[in-house]
Amino acid sequence: MRSEFDDPADPYRNSERTSETEPSPAMATFRAWDYRPDAGWTPEFDLIGYHVEATDGSVGKVSQATHAMNGSHLVVDTGPWIFGRSVVIPAGIVTHIDHTDRKIYLDRTKEDVKASPDFSDEPAYWDKLAAHYGPR
């Protein structure tokens, strides 16, 4: 069954794959909108207020967290290092969540986060965001 999130051209959200839409092996292992099984996300923890750490330092704090099937993401207030911009972080780039220290670790640099697309209400925004963070 297809959902509103399915798009034949989008290897991140397409649940019905055919030979024409099958992603490369690297893309197949990257699920932008799902937490990695070993990241430590559990539904009983509210992630709002957690600090977010890129591979090269602090990014900011979580201001919103959405845990939707095929749509999990964080909205992070970056504070003054990029003029108080809020950015959307797909759950797929979260490598680890430390609930004791209230920190979320990403597999991207601060520059990767800074260069992310500006938020838009257009449906194509989510595709741009997934492509920007893409597999490593």
Protein backbone atom coordinates (compact mmCIF):
# COMPACT_ATOMS: atom_id res chain seq x y z
CA MET A 1 0.00 0.00 0.00
CA ARG A 2 1.34 3.43 -0.95
CA SER A 3 1.25 6.36 1.45
CA GLU A 4 1.37 10.12 1.01
CA PHE A 5 5.11 9.91 1.79
CA ASP A 6 5.89 7.57 -1.09
CA ASP A 7 7.60 9.05 -4.12
CA PRO A 8 9.04 6.77 -6.82
CA ALA A 9 11.98 9.15 -7.34
CA ASP A 10 12.86 9.39 -3.64
CA PRO A 11 14.96 6.49 -2.31
CA TYR A 12 14.59 7.79 1.26
CA ARG A 13 10.83 7.49 1.57
CA ASN A 14 9.66 5.07 -1.11
CA SER A 15 8.31 1.89 0.45
CA GLU A 16 7.48 0.12 -2.84
CA ARG A 17 10.71 -0.31 -4.80
CA THR A 18 11.11 -1.52 -8.35
CA SER A 19 14.24 -2.04 -10.40
CA GLU A 20 13.88 1.53 -11.73
CA THR A 21 13.66 3.08 -8.25
CA GLU A 22 16.04 0.80 -6.34
CA PRO A 23 18.67 3.01 -4.70
CA SER A 24 22.40 2.37 -4.81
CA PRO A 25 23.74 0.21 -1.94
CA ALA A 26 24.91 3.34 -0.07
CA MET A 27 21.49 4.95 -0.43
CA ALA A 28 19.72 1.75 0.61
CA THR A 29 21.48 1.79 3.98
CA PHE A 30 20.58 5.43 4.68
CA ARG A 31 17.06 6.02 5.92
CA ALA A 32 16.83 9.78 6.41
CA TRP A 33 13.58 9.76 8.35
CA ASP A 34 14.13 6.81 10.68
CA TYR A 35 16.33 6.66 13.76
CA ARG A 36 19.12 4.13 13.44
CA PRO A 37 18.36 1.00 15.46
CA ASP A 38 21.44 1.55 17.63
CA ALA A 39 20.99 5.34 18.15
CA GLY A 40 19.27 4.95 21.52
CA TRP A 41 15.97 6.64 20.67
CA THR A 42 13.09 5.44 22.80
CA PRO A 43 9.60 6.93 22.81
CA GLU A 44 9.49 7.49 26.57
CA PHE A 45 12.14 10.25 26.40
CA ASP A 46 11.20 13.77 25.36
CA LEU A 47 14.17 15.10 23.36
CA ILE A 48 13.22 18.79 23.64
CA GLY A 49 16.03 20.67 25.35
CA TYR A 50 18.70 18.08 24.54
CA HIS A 51 21.99 19.51 23.26
CA VAL A 52 22.99 18.48 19.73
CA GLU A 53 26.62 17.69 18.93
CA ALA A 54 28.09 17.51 15.42
CA THR A 55 31.36 15.68 14.80
CA ASP A 56 33.25 18.95 15.37
CA GLY A 57 31.32 20.60 18.19
CA SER A 58 28.01 21.85 19.48
CA VAL A 59 25.18 22.68 17.08
CA GLY A 60 22.44 23.86 19.45
CA LYS A 61 19.39 22.61 21.35
CA VAL A 62 16.36 20.64 20.25
CA SER A 63 13.27 22.85 20.14
CA GLN A 64 10.94 20.29 18.53
CA ALA A 65 11.05 16.55 17.94
CA THR A 66 8.73 14.65 15.60
CA HIS A 67 8.51 10.88 15.75
CA ALA A 68 6.34 10.05 12.76
CA MET A 69 6.77 6.89 10.74
CA ASN A 70 8.95 7.80 7.74
CA GLY A 71 9.17 11.37 9.02
CA SER A 72 11.13 11.52 12.28
CA HIS A 73 13.22 14.64 12.64
CA LEU A 74 14.49 17.25 15.09
CA VAL A 75 14.19 21.01 14.87
CA VAL A 76 17.32 22.50 16.39
CA ASP A 77 17.78 26.10 17.51
CA THR A 78 21.40 26.75 16.56
CA GLY A 79 21.79 29.89 18.65
CA PRO A 80 24.23 32.62 17.71
CA TRP A 81 26.78 30.57 15.73
CA ILE A 82 24.63 30.94 12.61
CA PHE A 83 22.54 33.86 13.80
CA GLY A 84 19.88 31.94 15.67
CA ARG A 85 18.66 29.90 12.75
CA SER A 86 16.48 26.84 13.33
CA VAL A 87 17.39 23.81 11.25
CA VAL A 88 15.69 20.49 10.59
CA ILE A 89 17.79 17.40 11.30
CA PRO A 90 16.56 14.08 9.85
CA ALA A 91 16.59 11.28 12.41
CA GLY A 92 18.81 9.20 10.10
CA ILE A 93 21.92 11.24 10.91
CA VAL A 94 21.60 10.76 14.68
CA THR A 95 24.29 8.30 15.73
CA HIS A 96 23.73 8.22 19.48
CA ILE A 97 21.46 9.71 22.13
CA ASP A 98 22.89 10.06 25.65
CA HIS A 99 19.86 10.39 27.91
CA THR A 100 21.98 10.85 31.04
CA ASP A 101 23.82 13.92 29.67
CA ARG A 102 20.84 14.94 27.49
CA LYS A 103 22.95 15.02 24.31
CA ILE A 104 22.27 13.93 20.75
CA TYR A 105 25.22 13.12 18.49
CA LEU A 106 25.20 13.49 14.69
CA ASP A 107 27.44 12.02 12.01
CA ARG A 108 27.78 15.41 10.28
CA THR A 109 29.89 18.52 10.84
CA LYS A 110 28.65 21.92 11.96
CA GLU A 111 29.27 23.15 8.41
CA ASP A 112 26.97 20.41 7.03
CA VAL A 113 24.23 21.57 9.39
CA LYS A 114 24.86 25.24 8.58
CA ALA A 115 24.63 24.54 4.83
CA SER A 116 21.27 22.75 5.12
CA PRO A 117 18.37 24.10 3.07
CA ASP A 118 16.26 26.86 4.61
CA PHE A 119 12.90 25.61 5.86
CA SER A 120 10.04 25.78 3.38
CA ASP A 121 6.42 24.63 3.43
CA GLU A 122 6.82 23.22 -0.07
CA PRO A 123 6.77 19.40 -0.34
CA ALA A 124 10.05 19.47 -2.30
CA TYR A 125 11.81 20.85 0.80
CA TRP A 126 11.85 17.42 2.47
CA ASP A 127 13.42 15.86 -0.62
CA LYS A 128 16.09 18.60 -0.71
CA LEU A 129 16.79 18.07 2.97
CA ALA A 130 17.16 14.29 2.58
CA ALA A 131 19.43 14.79 -0.43
CA HIS A 132 21.54 17.35 1.46
CA TYR A 133 22.20 15.00 4.36
CA GLY A 134 22.31 11.90 2.12
CA PRO A 135 24.40 8.83 2.94
CA ARG A 136 28.02 9.07 4.06
